[in-house]
Structure formats: structure tokens, C-alpha cells
Amino acid sequence: MSLTVGTIYMVAVKEILPESIKHSSNAYSLLVAIISFFLIGAYLLYL
């Protein structure tokens, strides 16, 4: 389980987030990232 969460986090931070910052504003990208990580955390706590 922890390996899966680590993999999702690394892919999001290393691949997706920098590309999204290039194509949209920093504030919007940060907001979407915070919401996404909150949803992933809530899902994992629910499991």
C-alpha cells in the first residue's frame, strides 16, 4: 500500500505538476494539487 502511494505521489510531483505549472497559473496549479492530494488522502483514510 505504501509503495503504491509513494509511486502516485512521485508521478504527480515529478511529472504532472511541473507540466501543469507551465500551461496554467501557479495559483491554479497549486489549488488543483492541494485538492487532489486531499482527495487521495481522504480515500486512503477511508480504506
PDB file of N, CA and C in Angstrom:
ATOM      1  N   MET A   1       0.829  -1.187   0.000  1.00  0.00           N
ATOM      2  CA  MET A   1       0.000   0.000   0.000  1.00  0.00           C
ATOM      3  C   MET A   1       0.872   1.248   0.000  1.00  0.00           C
ATOM      4  N   SER A   2       1.885   1.260   0.842  1.00  0.00           N
ATOM      5  CA  SER A   2       2.745   2.432   0.942  1.00  0.00           C
ATOM      6  C   SER A   2       3.548   2.643  -0.346  1.00  0.00           C
ATOM      7  N   LEU A   3       3.924   1.549  -0.997  1.00  0.00           N
ATOM      8  CA  LEU A   3       4.639   1.667  -2.268  1.00  0.00           C
ATOM      9  C   LEU A   3       3.744   2.291  -3.332  1.00  0.00           C
ATOM     10  N   THR A   4       2.479   1.923  -3.337  1.00  0.00           N
ATOM     11  CA  THR A   4       1.529   2.485  -4.293  1.00  0.00           C
ATOM     12  C   THR A   4       1.344   3.982  -4.072  1.00  0.00           C
ATOM     13  N   VAL A   5       1.178   4.384  -2.828  1.00  0.00           N
ATOM     14  CA  VAL A   5       1.007   5.800  -2.504  1.00  0.00           C
ATOM     15  C   VAL A   5       2.260   6.581  -2.885  1.00  0.00           C
ATOM     16  N   GLY A   6       3.421   6.035  -2.600  1.00  0.00           N
ATOM     17  CA  GLY A   6       4.675   6.690  -2.962  1.00  0.00           C
ATOM     18  C   GLY A   6       4.819   6.851  -4.465  1.00  0.00           C
ATOM     19  N   THR A   7       4.425   5.842  -5.212  1.00  0.00           N
ATOM     20  CA  THR A   7       4.501   5.906  -6.667  1.00  0.00           C
ATOM     21  C   THR A   7       3.560   6.968  -7.224  1.00  0.00           C
ATOM     22  N   ILE A   8       2.342   7.008  -6.715  1.00  0.00           N
ATOM     23  CA  ILE A   8       1.378   8.022  -7.167  1.00  0.00           C
ATOM     24  C   ILE A   8       1.908   9.412  -6.855  1.00  0.00           C
ATOM     25  N   TYR A   9       2.445   9.598  -5.664  1.00  0.00           N
ATOM     26  CA  TYR A   9       2.965  10.899  -5.251  1.00  0.00           C
ATOM     27  C   TYR A   9       4.136  11.327  -6.138  1.00  0.00           C
ATOM     28  N   MET A  10       5.074  10.404  -6.395  1.00  0.00           N
ATOM     29  CA  MET A  10       6.244  10.735  -7.207  1.00  0.00           C
ATOM     30  C   MET A  10       5.838  11.088  -8.637  1.00  0.00           C
ATOM     31  N   VAL A  11       4.916  10.345  -9.214  1.00  0.00           N
ATOM     32  CA  VAL A  11       4.466  10.641 -10.576  1.00  0.00           C
ATOM     33  C   VAL A  11       3.783  12.000 -10.613  1.00  0.00           C
ATOM     34  N   ALA A  12       2.946  12.281  -9.617  1.00  0.00           N
ATOM     35  CA  ALA A  12       2.237  13.562  -9.587  1.00  0.00           C
ATOM     36  C   ALA A  12       3.210  14.720  -9.439  1.00  0.00           C
ATOM     37  N   VAL A  13       4.157  14.605  -8.522  1.00  0.00           N
ATOM     38  CA  VAL A  13       5.061  15.721  -8.238  1.00  0.00           C
ATOM     39  C   VAL A  13       6.118  15.877  -9.329  1.00  0.00           C
ATOM     40  N   LYS A  14       6.678  14.796  -9.816  1.00  0.00           N
ATOM     41  CA  LYS A  14       7.791  14.875 -10.769  1.00  0.00           C
ATOM     42  C   LYS A  14       7.348  15.055 -12.214  1.00  0.00           C
ATOM     43  N   GLU A  15       6.198  14.534 -12.585  1.00  0.00           N
ATOM     44  CA  GLU A  15       5.788  14.558 -13.992  1.00  0.00           C
ATOM     45  C   GLU A  15       4.619  15.511 -14.269  1.00  0.00           C
ATOM     46  N   ILE A  16       3.554  15.380 -13.519  1.00  0.00           N
ATOM     47  CA  ILE A  16       2.324  16.103 -13.849  1.00  0.00           C
ATOM     48  C   ILE A  16       2.368  17.552 -13.386  1.00  0.00           C
ATOM     49  N   LEU A  17       2.799  17.790 -12.152  1.00  0.00           N
ATOM     50  CA  LEU A  17       2.759  19.142 -11.596  1.00  0.00           C
ATOM     51  C   LEU A  17       3.615  20.149 -12.368  1.00  0.00           C
ATOM     52  N   PRO A  18       4.871  19.836 -12.713  1.00  0.00           N
ATOM     53  CA  PRO A  18       5.648  20.820 -13.489  1.00  0.00           C
ATOM     54  C   PRO A  18       5.030  21.148 -14.849  1.00  0.00           C
ATOM     55  N   GLU A  19       4.454  20.165 -15.512  1.00  0.00           N
ATOM     56  CA  GLU A  19       3.813  20.412 -16.806  1.00  0.00           C
ATOM     57  C   GLU A  19       2.577  21.283 -16.638  1.00  0.00           C
ATOM     58  N   SER A  20       1.822  21.055 -15.577  1.00  0.00           N
ATOM     59  CA  SER A  20       0.618  21.865 -15.377  1.00  0.00           C
ATOM     60  C   SER A  20       0.977  23.303 -15.032  1.00  0.00           C
ATOM     61  N   ILE A  21       2.074  23.503 -14.318  1.00  0.00           N
ATOM     62  CA  ILE A  21       2.503  24.861 -13.980  1.00  0.00           C
ATOM     63  C   ILE A  21       2.919  25.612 -15.246  1.00  0.00           C
ATOM     64  N   LYS A  22       3.521  24.908 -16.197  1.00  0.00           N
ATOM     65  CA  LYS A  22       3.928  25.549 -17.455  1.00  0.00           C
ATOM     66  C   LYS A  22       2.717  26.045 -18.253  1.00  0.00           C
ATOM     67  N   HIS A  23       1.604  25.308 -18.178  1.00  0.00           N
ATOM     68  CA  HIS A  23       0.452  25.600 -19.026  1.00  0.00           C
ATOM     69  C   HIS A  23      -0.642  26.418 -18.348  1.00  0.00           C
ATOM     70  N   SER A  24      -0.527  26.658 -17.044  1.00  0.00           N
ATOM     71  CA  SER A  24      -1.544  27.470 -16.356  1.00  0.00           C
ATOM     72  C   SER A  24      -0.880  28.244 -15.223  1.00  0.00           C
ATOM     73  N   SER A  25      -1.658  29.041 -14.526  1.00  0.00           N
ATOM     74  CA  SER A  25      -1.080  29.887 -13.483  1.00  0.00           C
ATOM     75  C   SER A  25      -0.636  29.049 -12.287  1.00  0.00           C
ATOM     76  N   ASN A  26       0.323  29.591 -11.534  1.00  0.00           N
ATOM     77  CA  ASN A  26       0.834  28.890 -10.358  1.00  0.00           C
ATOM     78  C   ASN A  26      -0.250  28.685  -9.309  1.00  0.00           C
ATOM     79  N   ALA A  27      -1.080  29.692  -9.096  1.00  0.00           N
ATOM     80  CA  ALA A  27      -2.130  29.594  -8.070  1.00  0.00           C
ATOM     81  C   ALA A  27      -3.132  28.501  -8.426  1.00  0.00           C
ATOM     82  N   TYR A  28      -3.528  28.429  -9.693  1.00  0.00           N
ATOM     83  CA  TYR A  28      -4.485  27.402 -10.117  1.00  0.00           C
ATOM     84  C   TYR A  28      -3.877  26.007  -9.970  1.00  0.00           C
ATOM     85  N   SER A  29      -2.629  25.852 -10.383  1.00  0.00           N
ATOM     86  CA  SER A  29      -1.965  24.552 -10.277  1.00  0.00           C
ATOM     87  C   SER A  29      -1.835  24.123  -8.822  1.00  0.00           C
ATOM     88  N   LEU A  30      -1.490  25.070  -7.952  1.00  0.00           N
ATOM     89  CA  LEU A  30      -1.358  24.760  -6.531  1.00  0.00           C
ATOM     90  C   LEU A  30      -2.705  24.352  -5.943  1.00  0.00           C
ATOM     91  N   LEU A  31      -3.755  25.064  -6.302  1.00  0.00           N
ATOM     92  CA  LEU A  31      -5.097  24.739  -5.809  1.00  0.00           C
ATOM     93  C   LEU A  31      -5.512  23.334  -6.239  1.00  0.00           C
ATOM     94  N   VAL A  32      -5.311  23.011  -7.495  1.00  0.00           N
ATOM     95  CA  VAL A  32      -5.677  21.684  -8.001  1.00  0.00           C
ATOM     96  C   VAL A  32      -4.841  20.599  -7.316  1.00  0.00           C
ATOM     97  N   ALA A  33      -3.540  20.861  -7.101  1.00  0.00           N
ATOM     98  CA  ALA A  33      -2.679  19.884  -6.439  1.00  0.00           C
ATOM     99  C   ALA A  33      -3.128  19.644  -5.000  1.00  0.00           C
ATOM    100  N   ILE A  34      -3.467  20.702  -4.288  1.00  0.00           N
ATOM    101  CA  ILE A  34      -3.915  20.550  -2.895  1.00  0.00           C
ATOM    102  C   ILE A  34      -5.213  19.759  -2.827  1.00  0.00           C
ATOM    103  N   ILE A  35      -6.154  20.090  -3.703  1.00  0.00           N
ATOM    104  CA  ILE A  35      -7.423  19.356  -3.728  1.00  0.00           C
ATOM    105  C   ILE A  35      -7.179  17.878  -4.065  1.00  0.00           C
ATOM    106  N   SER A  36      -6.315  17.621  -5.024  1.00  0.00           N
ATOM    107  CA  SER A  36      -6.036  16.245  -5.438  1.00  0.00           C
ATOM    108  C   SER A  36      -5.404  15.436  -4.313  1.00  0.00           C
ATOM    109  N   PHE A  37      -4.395  16.011  -3.650  1.00  0.00           N
ATOM    110  CA  PHE A  37      -3.746  15.288  -2.561  1.00  0.00           C
ATOM    111  C   PHE A  37      -4.700  15.095  -1.384  1.00  0.00           C
ATOM    112  N   PHE A  38      -5.591  16.061  -1.144  1.00  0.00           N
ATOM    113  CA  PHE A  38      -6.592  15.903  -0.095  1.00  0.00           C
ATOM    114  C   PHE A  38      -7.529  14.735  -0.424  1.00  0.00           C
ATOM    115  N   LEU A  39      -7.960  14.661  -1.675  1.00  0.00           N
ATOM    116  CA  LEU A  39      -8.861  13.579  -2.072  1.00  0.00           C
ATOM    117  C   LEU A  39      -8.180  12.209  -1.983  1.00  0.00           C
ATOM    118  N   ILE A  40      -6.924  12.140  -2.386  1.00  0.00           N
ATOM    119  CA  ILE A  40      -6.177  10.877  -2.282  1.00  0.00           C
ATOM    120  C   ILE A  40      -6.032  10.489  -0.812  1.00  0.00           C
ATOM    121  N   GLY A  41      -5.702  11.462   0.042  1.00  0.00           N
ATOM    122  CA  GLY A  41      -5.570  11.195   1.475  1.00  0.00           C
ATOM    123  C   GLY A  41      -6.874  10.741   2.090  1.00  0.00           C
ATOM    124  N   ALA A  42      -7.979  11.396   1.726  1.00  0.00           N
ATOM    125  CA  ALA A  42      -9.290  11.007   2.248  1.00  0.00           C
ATOM    126  C   ALA A  42      -9.651   9.588   1.815  1.00  0.00           C
ATOM    127  N   TYR A  43      -9.335   9.262   0.566  1.00  0.00           N
ATOM    128  CA  TYR A  43      -9.615   7.914   0.061  1.00  0.00           C
ATOM    129  C   TYR A  43      -8.804   6.876   0.830  1.00  0.00           C
ATOM    130  N   LEU A  44      -7.535   7.176   1.065  1.00  0.00           N
ATOM    131  CA  LEU A  44      -6.689   6.212   1.776  1.00  0.00           C
ATOM    132  C   LEU A  44      -7.121   6.056   3.236  1.00  0.00           C
ATOM    133  N   LEU A  45      -7.585   7.118   3.849  1.00  0.00           N
ATOM    134  CA  LEU A  45      -8.077   7.013   5.224  1.00  0.00           C
ATOM    135  C   LEU A  45      -9.383   6.214   5.266  1.00  0.00           C
ATOM    136  N   TYR A  46     -10.172   6.332   4.205  1.00  0.00           N
ATOM    137  CA  TYR A  46     -11.432   5.604   4.138  1.00  0.00           C
ATOM    138  C   TYR A  46     -11.199   4.107   4.007  1.00  0.00           C
ATOM    139  N   LEU A  47     -10.113   3.718   3.326  1.00  0.00           N
ATOM    140  CA  LEU A  47      -9.799   2.303   3.174  1.00  0.00           C
ATOM    141  C   LEU A  47      -9.500   1.754   4.534  1.00  0.00           C
TER     142      LEU A  47
END
